C-alpha atoms as a PDB file:
ATOM      1  CA  MET A   1      -0.075  -0.134   0.131  1.00  0.00           C
ATOM      2  CA  ALA A   2       1.398   3.411  -0.989  1.00  0.00           C
ATOM      3  CA  ALA A   3       2.238   5.515   1.711  1.00  0.00           C
ATOM      4  CA  PRO A   4      -0.530   8.259   2.893  1.00  0.00           C
ATOM      5  CA  THR A   5       0.266  11.517   1.893  1.00  0.00           C
ATOM      6  CA  THR A   6      -1.304  13.025   4.618  1.00  0.00           C
ATOM      7  CA  PHE A   7      -1.444  11.663   8.079  1.00  0.00           C
ATOM      8  CA  ASP A   8      -5.183  11.872   9.334  1.00  0.00           C
ATOM      9  CA  GLN A   9      -6.962   9.630  11.830  1.00  0.00           C
ATOM     10  CA  CYS A  10      -7.172   6.713   9.664  1.00  0.00           C
ATOM     11  CA  HIS A  11      -3.570   6.922   8.728  1.00  0.00           C
ATOM     12  CA  THR A  12      -1.720   8.020  12.012  1.00  0.00           C
ATOM     13  CA  LEU A  13       0.102   5.461  13.902  1.00  0.00           C
ATOM     14  CA  LEU A  14       2.687   7.619  15.503  1.00  0.00           C
ATOM     15  CA  GLY A  15       3.105   8.642  19.319  1.00  0.00           C
ATOM     16  CA  THR A  16       0.083   9.571  21.296  1.00  0.00           C
ATOM     17  CA  ASP A  17      -2.744  12.111  21.283  1.00  0.00           C
ATOM     18  CA  SER A  18      -0.050  14.859  22.340  1.00  0.00           C
ATOM     19  CA  PHE A  19       2.093  13.994  19.444  1.00  0.00           C
ATOM     20  CA  GLN A  20       4.536  17.011  18.373  1.00  0.00           C
ATOM     21  CA  LYS A  21       6.092  17.477  15.176  1.00  0.00           C
ATOM     22  CA  ASP A  22       9.462  16.083  15.075  1.00  0.00           C
ATOM     23  CA  GLU A  23      12.302  17.388  12.881  1.00  0.00           C
ATOM     24  CA  ALA A  24      14.377  13.827  12.783  1.00  0.00           C
ATOM     25  CA  LEU A  25      11.444  12.103  12.485  1.00  0.00           C
ATOM     26  CA  GLU A  26       9.665  14.349   9.408  1.00  0.00           C
ATOM     27  CA  LYS A  27      13.025  13.547   7.634  1.00  0.00           C
ATOM     28  CA  CYS A  28      12.186   9.791   7.326  1.00  0.00           C
ATOM     29  CA  LEU A  29       8.498  10.560   6.104  1.00  0.00           C
ATOM     30  CA  PRO A  30       8.173  10.207   2.283  1.00  0.00           C
ATOM     31  CA  PRO A  31       8.579  13.010   0.126  1.00  0.00           C
ATOM     32  CA  GLY A  32       4.936  15.322   0.272  1.00  0.00           C
ATOM     33  CA  THR A  33       3.923  13.635   3.721  1.00  0.00           C
ATOM     34  CA  GLU A  34       2.313  16.108   6.087  1.00  0.00           C
ATOM     35  CA  ILE A  35       1.625  15.444   9.573  1.00  0.00           C
ATOM     36  CA  VAL A  36      -1.657  16.714  10.625  1.00  0.00           C
ATOM     37  CA  LYS A  37      -2.284  14.845  13.718  1.00  0.00           C
ATOM     38  CA  GLY A  38      -1.157  12.091  15.856  1.00  0.00           C
ATOM     39  CA  THR A  39      -3.453   9.333  17.361  1.00  0.00           C
ATOM     40  CA  LEU A  40      -2.922   6.515  19.615  1.00  0.00           C
ATOM     41  CA  TRP A  41      -3.536   3.642  17.546  1.00  0.00           C
ATOM     42  CA  GLY A  42      -3.342  -0.200  18.197  1.00  0.00           C
ATOM     43  CA  ALA A  43      -1.367  -1.741  21.522  1.00  0.00           C
ATOM     44  CA  SER A  44       1.779  -2.773  21.975  1.00  0.00           C
ATOM     45  CA  ALA A  45       3.272  -4.654  25.392  1.00  0.00           C
ATOM     46  CA  TRP A  46       6.679  -2.543  25.394  1.00  0.00           C
ATOM     47  CA  THR A  47       5.911   0.717  23.423  1.00  0.00           C
ATOM     48  CA  ALA A  48       3.411   3.289  22.535  1.00  0.00           C
ATOM     49  CA  THR A  49       2.417   2.760  19.161  1.00  0.00           C
ATOM     50  CA  TYR A  50       5.448   3.300  16.541  1.00  0.00           C
ATOM     51  CA  LYS A  51       7.126   5.016  19.221  1.00  0.00           C
ATOM     52  CA  ARG A  52      10.255   3.022  20.135  1.00  0.00           C
ATOM     53  CA  ARG A  53      12.584   3.015  23.144  1.00  0.00           C
ATOM     54  CA  ARG A  54      15.943   1.757  23.085  1.00  0.00           C
ATOM     55  CA  HIS A  55      15.666  -0.711  20.253  1.00  0.00           C
ATOM     56  CA  ASP A  56      18.674   0.977  18.380  1.00  0.00           C
ATOM     57  CA  GLY A  57      16.782   0.568  14.754  1.00  0.00           C
ATOM     58  CA  GLY A  58      16.582  -3.414  15.389  1.00  0.00           C
ATOM     59  CA  GLU A  59      12.871  -3.745  14.316  1.00  0.00           C
ATOM     60  CA  PHE A  60      13.837  -1.165  11.312  1.00  0.00           C
ATOM     61  CA  ASN A  61      16.609  -3.569  10.118  1.00  0.00           C
ATOM     62  CA  SER A  62      14.346  -6.926  10.847  1.00  0.00           C
ATOM     63  CA  LEU A  63      11.780  -5.622   8.520  1.00  0.00           C
ATOM     64  CA  GLN A  64      14.188  -4.045   5.924  1.00  0.00           C
ATOM     65  CA  ALA A  65      15.720  -7.529   5.786  1.00  0.00           C
ATOM     66  CA  ILE A  66      12.722  -9.734   5.125  1.00  0.00           C
ATOM     67  CA  ASP A  67      11.445  -7.339   2.622  1.00  0.00           C
ATOM     68  CA  MET A  68      14.378  -7.967   0.707  1.00  0.00           C
ATOM     69  CA  VAL A  69      13.782 -11.730   0.657  1.00  0.00           C
ATOM     70  CA  SER A  70      10.087 -11.795   0.561  1.00  0.00           C
ATOM     71  CA  PRO A  71       8.562  -8.318  -0.798  1.00  0.00           C
ATOM     72  CA  GLY A  72       5.235  -7.527   0.715  1.00  0.00           C
ATOM     73  CA  LEU A  73       5.326  -9.784   3.612  1.00  0.00           C
ATOM     74  CA  VAL A  74       5.910  -7.269   5.802  1.00  0.00           C
ATOM     75  CA  PRO A  75       5.162  -3.487   6.220  1.00  0.00           C
ATOM     76  CA  ARG A  76       7.352  -1.005   3.993  1.00  0.00           C
ATOM     77  CA  VAL A  77       9.442   0.763   6.048  1.00  0.00           C
ATOM     78  CA  HIS A  78      10.822   4.381   5.654  1.00  0.00           C
ATOM     79  CA  GLY A  79      13.223   5.154   8.580  1.00  0.00           C
ATOM     80  CA  TRP A  80      13.947   5.068  12.147  1.00  0.00           C
ATOM     81  CA  GLY A  81      16.069   7.452  14.517  1.00  0.00           C
ATOM     82  CA  ARG A  82      15.675   9.428  17.959  1.00  0.00           C
ATOM     83  CA  MET A  83      13.375  11.586  18.429  1.00  0.00           C
ATOM     84  CA  ALA A  84      15.019  15.220  18.258  1.00  0.00           C
ATOM     85  CA  SER A  85      12.270  16.638  20.819  1.00  0.00           C
ATOM     86  CA  GLU A  86      12.878  13.874  23.196  1.00  0.00           C
ATOM     87  CA  PRO A  87      16.357  11.979  23.260  1.00  0.00           C
ATOM     88  CA  GLU A  88      15.279   9.148  24.702  1.00  0.00           C
ATOM     89  CA  THR A  89      12.522   8.057  22.545  1.00  0.00           C
ATOM     90  CA  TYR A  90      12.871   6.330  19.400  1.00  0.00           C
ATOM     91  CA  PHE A  91      10.537   5.976  16.386  1.00  0.00           C
ATOM     92  CA  LEU A  92       9.764   3.650  13.511  1.00  0.00           C
ATOM     93  CA  VAL A  93       8.055   5.122  10.588  1.00  0.00           C
ATOM     94  CA  MET A  94       6.375   2.253   8.385  1.00  0.00           C
ATOM     95  CA  ASP A  95       3.005   2.309   5.716  1.00  0.00           C
ATOM     96  CA  PHE A  96      -0.066   2.128   7.479  1.00  0.00           C
ATOM     97  CA  LEU A  97      -2.090  -1.323   6.731  1.00  0.00           C
ATOM     98  CA  ASP A  98      -5.676  -1.884   7.706  1.00  0.00           C
ATOM     99  CA  LEU A  99      -5.071  -5.507   8.971  1.00  0.00           C
ATOM    100  CA  GLU A 100      -8.112  -7.775   9.884  1.00  0.00           C
ATOM    101  CA  MET A 101      -6.510  -9.863  13.096  1.00  0.00           C
ATOM    102  CA  ALA A 102      -7.585 -13.102  12.110  1.00  0.00           C
ATOM    103  CA  LEU A 103      -5.509 -16.448  12.372  1.00  0.00           C
ATOM    104  CA  PRO A 104      -3.595 -17.005   9.099  1.00  0.00           C
ATOM    105  CA  ASP A 105      -4.597 -19.866   7.205  1.00  0.00           C
ATOM    106  CA  PRO A 106      -1.935 -22.599   7.620  1.00  0.00           C
ATOM    107  CA  THR A 107      -1.736 -23.068   3.838  1.00  0.00           C
ATOM    108  CA  VAL A 108      -0.815 -19.593   3.313  1.00  0.00           C
ATOM    109  CA  LEU A 109       1.688 -19.145   6.388  1.00  0.00           C
ATOM    110  CA  GLY A 110       3.495 -22.124   6.017  1.00  0.00           C
ATOM    111  CA  PRO A 111       4.520 -21.694   2.380  1.00  0.00           C
ATOM    112  CA  ALA A 112       5.397 -17.988   2.776  1.00  0.00           C
ATOM    113  CA  ILE A 113       7.597 -18.934   5.465  1.00  0.00           C
ATOM    114  CA  ALA A 114       9.369 -21.640   4.304  1.00  0.00           C
ATOM    115  CA  ASP A 115       9.839 -19.296   0.955  1.00  0.00           C
ATOM    116  CA  LEU A 116      11.555 -16.835   3.475  1.00  0.00           C
ATOM    117  CA  HIS A 117      13.959 -19.296   4.825  1.00  0.00           C
ATOM    118  CA  ARG A 118      14.900 -20.968   1.550  1.00  0.00           C
ATOM    119  CA  ASN A 119      15.479 -17.877  -0.428  1.00  0.00           C
ATOM    120  CA  SER A 120      17.382 -15.836   2.337  1.00  0.00           C
ATOM    121  CA  THR A 121      21.314 -15.970   2.447  1.00  0.00           C
ATOM    122  CA  SER A 122      23.501 -14.871   5.126  1.00  0.00           C
ATOM    123  CA  PRO A 123      26.052 -12.290   4.120  1.00  0.00           C
ATOM    124  CA  THR A 124      28.670 -13.962   6.227  1.00  0.00           C
ATOM    125  CA  GLY A 125      27.617 -17.576   5.676  1.00  0.00           C
ATOM    126  CA  LYS A 126      27.208 -17.834   9.367  1.00  0.00           C
ATOM    127  CA  PHE A 127      24.502 -17.428  12.324  1.00  0.00           C
ATOM    128  CA  GLY A 128      23.585 -14.212  13.607  1.00  0.00           C
ATOM    129  CA  PHE A 129      22.642 -10.872  12.255  1.00  0.00           C
ATOM    130  CA  ALA A 130      24.581  -7.630  11.851  1.00  0.00           C
ATOM    131  CA  THR A 131      22.989  -5.647  14.290  1.00  0.00           C
ATOM    132  CA  PRO A 132      21.242  -6.491  17.797  1.00  0.00           C
ATOM    133  CA  THR A 133      17.578  -7.273  17.674  1.00  0.00           C
ATOM    134  CA  CYS A 134      14.794  -7.361  20.616  1.00  0.00           C
ATOM    135  CA  HIS A 135      12.863  -9.865  21.455  1.00  0.00           C
ATOM    136  CA  GLY A 136       9.915  -8.525  23.504  1.00  0.00           C
ATOM    137  CA  ARG A 137      11.348  -6.331  25.826  1.00  0.00           C
ATOM    138  CA  HIS A 138      15.061  -7.714  25.741  1.00  0.00           C
ATOM    139  CA  ILE A 139      17.790  -7.156  23.562  1.00  0.00           C
ATOM    140  CA  GLN A 140      18.828  -9.904  21.786  1.00  0.00           C
ATOM    141  CA  PRO A 141      22.545 -10.124  20.851  1.00  0.00           C
ATOM    142  CA  ASN A 142      23.442 -11.728  17.136  1.00  0.00           C
ATOM    143  CA  ASP A 143      26.989 -12.147  17.178  1.00  0.00           C
ATOM    144  CA  TRP A 144      28.200 -14.026  14.117  1.00  0.00           C
ATOM    145  CA  ASP A 145      29.244 -17.772  14.655  1.00  0.00           C
ATOM    146  CA  GLU A 146      29.746 -20.356  12.145  1.00  0.00           C
ATOM    147  CA  SER A 147      28.352 -23.398  14.581  1.00  0.00           C
ATOM    148  CA  TRP A 148      24.596 -23.261  15.345  1.00  0.00           C
ATOM    149  CA  SER A 149      25.033 -25.328  18.513  1.00  0.00           C
ATOM    150  CA  ARG A 150      27.403 -22.893  20.050  1.00  0.00           C
ATOM    151  CA  TYR A 151      25.485 -19.835  18.986  1.00  0.00           C
ATOM    152  CA  PHE A 152      21.745 -21.230  20.118  1.00  0.00           C
ATOM    153  CA  THR A 153      23.393 -22.027  23.391  1.00  0.00           C
ATOM    154  CA  ARG A 154      24.809 -18.955  23.991  1.00  0.00           C
ATOM    155  CA  LEU A 155      21.467 -17.419  23.099  1.00  0.00           C
ATOM    156  CA  LEU A 156      19.535 -19.844  25.230  1.00  0.00           C
ATOM    157  CA  SER A 157      22.085 -18.935  28.186  1.00  0.00           C
ATOM    158  CA  ILE A 158      21.280 -15.047  27.701  1.00  0.00           C
ATOM    159  CA  PHE A 159      17.595 -15.424  28.114  1.00  0.00           C
ATOM    160  CA  PHE A 160      17.941 -17.994  30.918  1.00  0.00           C
ATOM    161  CA  GLU A 161      20.004 -15.387  32.759  1.00  0.00           C
ATOM    162  CA  ILE A 162      17.538 -12.716  32.061  1.00  0.00           C
ATOM    163  CA  ASP A 163      14.816 -14.880  33.610  1.00  0.00           C
ATOM    164  CA  VAL A 164      16.461 -15.438  36.868  1.00  0.00           C
ATOM    165  CA  SER A 165      17.278 -11.448  37.111  1.00  0.00           C
ATOM    166  CA  VAL A 166      14.028 -10.829  36.581  1.00  0.00           C
ATOM    167  CA  ASN A 167      11.995 -13.624  38.586  1.00  0.00           C
ATOM    168  CA  GLY A 168      14.865 -14.710  41.211  1.00  0.00           C
ATOM    169  CA  PRO A 169      16.815 -17.761  41.796  1.00  0.00           C
ATOM    170  CA  TRP A 170      15.641 -21.194  42.133  1.00  0.00           C
ATOM    171  CA  ARG A 171      18.194 -23.686  42.508  1.00  0.00           C
ATOM    172  CA  GLU A 172      16.242 -26.609  40.970  1.00  0.00           C
ATOM    173  CA  TYR A 173      15.356 -24.858  38.081  1.00  0.00           C
ATOM    174  CA  GLU A 174      19.402 -23.576  37.551  1.00  0.00           C
ATOM    175  CA  GLU A 175      20.686 -26.985  38.012  1.00  0.00           C
ATOM    176  CA  ALA A 176      18.159 -28.369  35.485  1.00  0.00           C
ATOM    177  CA  PHE A 177      19.176 -25.688  32.728  1.00  0.00           C
ATOM    178  CA  GLU A 178      22.738 -26.385  33.095  1.00  0.00           C
ATOM    179  CA  THR A 179      22.107 -30.029  32.510  1.00  0.00           C
ATOM    180  CA  LEU A 180      20.131 -29.084  29.586  1.00  0.00           C
ATOM    181  CA  ARG A 181      22.970 -26.343  28.374  1.00  0.00           C
ATOM    182  CA  ALA A 182      25.876 -28.662  29.038  1.00  0.00           C
ATOM    183  CA  ARG A 183      24.429 -32.329  27.723  1.00  0.00           C
ATOM    184  CA  VAL A 184      21.157 -32.005  25.784  1.00  0.00           C
ATOM    185  CA  THR A 185      21.917 -28.791  23.671  1.00  0.00           C
ATOM    186  CA  PRO A 186      25.065 -30.393  22.226  1.00  0.00           C
ATOM    187  CA  ARG A 187      23.528 -33.780  21.885  1.00  0.00           C
ATOM    188  CA  LEU A 188      20.818 -32.469  19.617  1.00  0.00           C
ATOM    189  CA  LEU A 189      22.335 -29.571  17.723  1.00  0.00           C
ATOM    190  CA  GLU A 190      26.034 -30.511  16.867  1.00  0.00           C
ATOM    191  CA  PRO A 191      24.721 -33.614  15.099  1.00  0.00           C
ATOM    192  CA  LEU A 192      23.391 -31.152  12.257  1.00  0.00           C
ATOM    193  CA  GLN A 193      27.033 -29.931  11.131  1.00  0.00           C
ATOM    194  CA  ILE A 194      28.624 -33.050  11.343  1.00  0.00           C
ATOM    195  CA  ASP A 195      29.352 -35.994   9.511  1.00  0.00           C
ATOM    196  CA  GLY A 196      29.348 -33.991   6.063  1.00  0.00           C
ATOM    197  CA  ARG A 197      26.083 -32.159   6.886  1.00  0.00           C
ATOM    198  CA  VAL A 198      25.952 -28.621   5.993  1.00  0.00           C
ATOM    199  CA  LEU A 199      23.303 -26.250   8.079  1.00  0.00           C
ATOM    200  CA  LYS A 200      22.051 -23.321   6.153  1.00  0.00           C
ATOM    201  CA  PRO A 201      21.836 -20.320   8.197  1.00  0.00           C
ATOM    202  CA  CYS A 202      18.376 -18.985   7.598  1.00  0.00           C
ATOM    203  CA  LEU A 203      16.717 -15.381   7.971  1.00  0.00           C
ATOM    204  CA  VAL A 204      13.868 -16.343  10.780  1.00  0.00           C
ATOM    205  CA  HIS A 205      11.248 -14.130  11.791  1.00  0.00           C
ATOM    206  CA  GLY A 206      12.222 -15.173  15.464  1.00  0.00           C
ATOM    207  CA  ASP A 207       8.819 -14.042  17.047  1.00  0.00           C
ATOM    208  CA  LEU A 208       5.782 -15.379  14.688  1.00  0.00           C
ATOM    209  CA  TRP A 209       3.000 -15.800  16.307  1.00  0.00           C
ATOM    210  CA  GLU A 210      -0.760 -15.111  15.565  1.00  0.00           C
ATOM    211  CA  ASP A 211      -0.476 -11.520  17.204  1.00  0.00           C
ATOM    212  CA  ASN A 212       2.371 -10.551  14.936  1.00  0.00           C
ATOM    213  CA  THR A 213       0.314 -11.768  11.613  1.00  0.00           C
ATOM    214  CA  GLY A 214      -2.620  -9.972   9.836  1.00  0.00           C
ATOM    215  CA  ILE A 215      -4.490  -9.944   6.623  1.00  0.00           C
ATOM    216  CA  ASP A 216      -4.138  -6.917   4.378  1.00  0.00           C
ATOM    217  CA  VAL A 217      -7.983  -5.999   4.239  1.00  0.00           C
ATOM    218  CA  SER A 218      -7.203  -3.968   0.925  1.00  0.00           C
ATOM    219  CA  THR A 219      -5.337  -6.862  -0.842  1.00  0.00           C
ATOM    220  CA  GLY A 220      -6.129 -10.239   0.991  1.00  0.00           C
ATOM    221  CA  ARG A 221      -2.391 -10.682   1.556  1.00  0.00           C
ATOM    222  CA  LEU A 222      -0.697 -12.030   4.519  1.00  0.00           C
ATOM    223  CA  VAL A 223       1.582  -9.526   6.638  1.00  0.00           C
ATOM    224  CA  ILE A 224       3.718 -10.346   9.467  1.00  0.00           C
ATOM    225  CA  TYR A 225       5.395  -7.673  11.751  1.00  0.00           C
ATOM    226  CA  ASP A 226       6.804  -7.166  15.106  1.00  0.00           C
ATOM    227  CA  ALA A 227       9.943  -9.515  14.026  1.00  0.00           C
ATOM    228  CA  SER A 228      13.170 -10.347  15.974  1.00  0.00           C
ATOM    229  CA  ILE A 229      15.122 -11.710  13.150  1.00  0.00           C
ATOM    230  CA  MET A 230      18.605 -13.483  13.154  1.00  0.00           C
ATOM    231  CA  TYR A 231      20.017 -15.955  10.543  1.00  0.00           C
ATOM    232  CA  ALA A 232      19.167 -19.200  12.085  1.00  0.00           C
ATOM    233  CA  HIS A 233      18.431 -22.901  11.570  1.00  0.00           C
ATOM    234  CA  ASN A 234      15.060 -22.623  10.046  1.00  0.00           C
ATOM    235  CA  GLU A 235      13.679 -25.085  12.504  1.00  0.00           C
ATOM    236  CA  TYR A 236      14.162 -22.615  15.167  1.00  0.00           C
ATOM    237  CA  GLU A 237      11.107 -20.448  13.716  1.00  0.00           C
ATOM    238  CA  LEU A 238       8.764 -23.456  14.660  1.00  0.00           C
ATOM    239  CA  GLY A 239       9.886 -23.611  18.074  1.00  0.00           C
ATOM    240  CA  MET A 240       7.488 -20.560  19.009  1.00  0.00           C
ATOM    241  CA  TRP A 241       4.630 -23.000  17.330  1.00  0.00           C
ATOM    242  CA  ARG A 242       4.961 -25.621  19.997  1.00  0.00           C
ATOM    243  CA  ARG A 243       3.909 -23.353  22.795  1.00  0.00           C
ATOM    244  CA  ASP A 244       0.579 -24.185  24.316  1.00  0.00           C
ATOM    245  CA  GLU A 245      -0.580 -20.610  24.547  1.00  0.00           C
ATOM    246  CA  ILE A 246       0.129 -20.328  20.841  1.00  0.00           C
ATOM    247  CA  LYS A 247      -2.830 -20.903  18.028  1.00  0.00           C
ATOM    248  CA  ILE A 248      -0.534 -21.265  15.432  1.00  0.00           C
ATOM    249  CA  GLY A 249       0.456 -24.860  16.410  1.00  0.00           C
ATOM    250  CA  SER A 250       1.250 -28.314  15.052  1.00  0.00           C
ATOM    251  CA  SER A 251      -0.929 -28.264  12.037  1.00  0.00           C
ATOM    252  CA  TYR A 252       0.930 -25.137  10.840  1.00  0.00           C
ATOM    253  CA  ILE A 253       4.358 -27.057  11.468  1.00  0.00           C
ATOM    254  CA  ASP A 254       2.948 -29.901   9.543  1.00  0.00           C
ATOM    255  CA  VAL A 255       2.105 -27.609   6.545  1.00  0.00           C
ATOM    256  CA  TYR A 256       5.496 -25.885   6.486  1.00  0.00           C
ATOM    257  CA  LEU A 257       7.124 -29.158   6.947  1.00  0.00           C
ATOM    258  CA  ARG A 258       5.508 -30.230   3.337  1.00  0.00           C
ATOM    259  CA  HIS A 259       7.501 -26.975   2.032  1.00  0.00           C
ATOM    260  CA  TYR A 260      10.890 -27.411   3.710  1.00  0.00           C
ATOM    261  CA  PRO A 261      11.505 -31.067   5.265  1.00  0.00           C
ATOM    262  CA  PRO A 262      13.333 -31.474   8.494  1.00  0.00           C
ATOM    263  CA  SER A 263      16.831 -31.492   8.809  1.00  0.00           C
ATOM    264  CA  GLU A 264      19.177 -34.296   9.109  1.00  0.00           C
ATOM    265  CA  PRO A 265      19.180 -36.281  11.467  1.00  0.00           C
ATOM    266  CA  VAL A 266      15.225 -36.374  11.069  1.00  0.00           C
ATOM    267  CA  SER A 267      14.544 -38.545  14.055  1.00  0.00           C
ATOM    268  CA  GLN A 268      15.720 -35.909  16.115  1.00  0.00           C
ATOM    269  CA  PHE A 269      13.349 -33.084  14.905  1.00  0.00           C
ATOM    270  CA  ASP A 270      10.750 -33.518  17.563  1.00  0.00           C
ATOM    271  CA  ASP A 271      13.289 -32.983  19.918  1.00  0.00           C
ATOM    272  CA  ARG A 272      14.828 -30.078  18.591  1.00  0.00           C
ATOM    273  CA  ASN A 273      11.532 -28.614  18.040  1.00  0.00           C
ATOM    274  CA  ARG A 274      10.964 -28.895  21.852  1.00  0.00           C
ATOM    275  CA  LEU A 275      14.387 -27.585  22.409  1.00  0.00           C
ATOM    276  CA  TYR A 276      13.936 -24.344  20.414  1.00  0.00           C
ATOM    277  CA  SER A 277      10.545 -23.585  22.093  1.00  0.00           C
ATOM    278  CA  ILE A 278      12.255 -23.462  25.596  1.00  0.00           C
ATOM    279  CA  LYS A 279      13.587 -20.105  24.142  1.00  0.00           C
ATOM    280  CA  PHE A 280      10.615 -18.595  23.632  1.00  0.00           C
ATOM    281  CA  LYS A 281       9.065 -19.800  26.958  1.00  0.00           C
ATOM    282  CA  LEU A 282      12.132 -18.036  28.516  1.00  0.00           C
ATOM    283  CA  ALA A 283      11.455 -14.983  26.682  1.00  0.00           C
ATOM    284  CA  HIS A 284       7.848 -14.993  27.660  1.00  0.00           C
ATOM    285  CA  SER A 285       8.796 -16.150  31.198  1.00  0.00           C
ATOM    286  CA  SER A 286      11.341 -12.874  31.783  1.00  0.00           C
ATOM    287  CA  GLY A 287       9.007 -10.550  29.769  1.00  0.00           C
ATOM    288  CA  TRP A 288       6.112 -11.156  32.300  1.00  0.00           C
ATOM    289  CA  PRO A 289       7.647 -11.099  35.314  1.00  0.00           C
ATOM    290  CA  GLY A 290       5.536 -13.640  38.261  1.00  0.00           C
ATOM    291  CA  LEU A 291       4.044 -15.679  35.792  1.00  0.00           C
ATOM    292  CA  THR A 292       5.018 -18.925  38.092  1.00  0.00           C
ATOM    293  CA  GLU A 293       3.076 -21.407  35.968  1.00  0.00           C
ATOM    294  CA  THR A 294       4.959 -20.339  32.995  1.00  0.00           C
ATOM    295  CA  ARG A 295       8.220 -20.573  34.505  1.00  0.00           C
ATOM    296  CA  LYS A 296       7.303 -23.945  35.590  1.00  0.00           C
ATOM    297  CA  LYS A 297       6.617 -25.183  32.407  1.00  0.00           C
END
């Protein structure tokens, strides 16, 4: 959808009812755009809608990277920056899309995500990303690494440490995680890159569930957003879909795998899927402090 030339009540997703014009923000707008009014629109657990704090361009880079591989799958972005009038506040400018917040059709979502994974290429040939991104409220380091087992172990450990810092120590929990980190993770992930096996780093959305998808009312096409990308093992994406609370579940995994079959060893796919789901559970537990049941799971 072309960017509106005037931000009116329907086409304003920036800031709040007290939104003021800002020089830095205006430089990112399409030519000829006039800011008429700022209206609070939509909802977010982490920010005022389209007003970003402490993300340092992560989501801009995420959406831009996905759009380069799968044009039209994400909203078109125009820029990001620090507000000149509010230096501690960041903004992200993208096209307004009128979205129907319906559960996506698995026969549409599965092939679209498989294509994103298949058609992407890591610029370094390694796992990671050029900049940090954010998963929920937490910064996600994306330092490049040629070993997926080492990369994922580091990522999982970071989010575990965040969870302990947010929700407090728990001896049994910490002992169980150490066993997972030291024994289970290498046993499941190292075989992906031994005995001549080559594992392709694929661009993943990184936080893909039903609330980060929509259907463009004007075109009927699938749109995804609020990404937390990295170049990863493609199956990492499916870890979110294993969580009990997520409506995008096993039927979506089945469709996806028909378009992008499991990696070898295939017999360990379900165990890898369970392992990947733990990272998403940790992100949820640390993002919503005090969720005892989530932590126990």
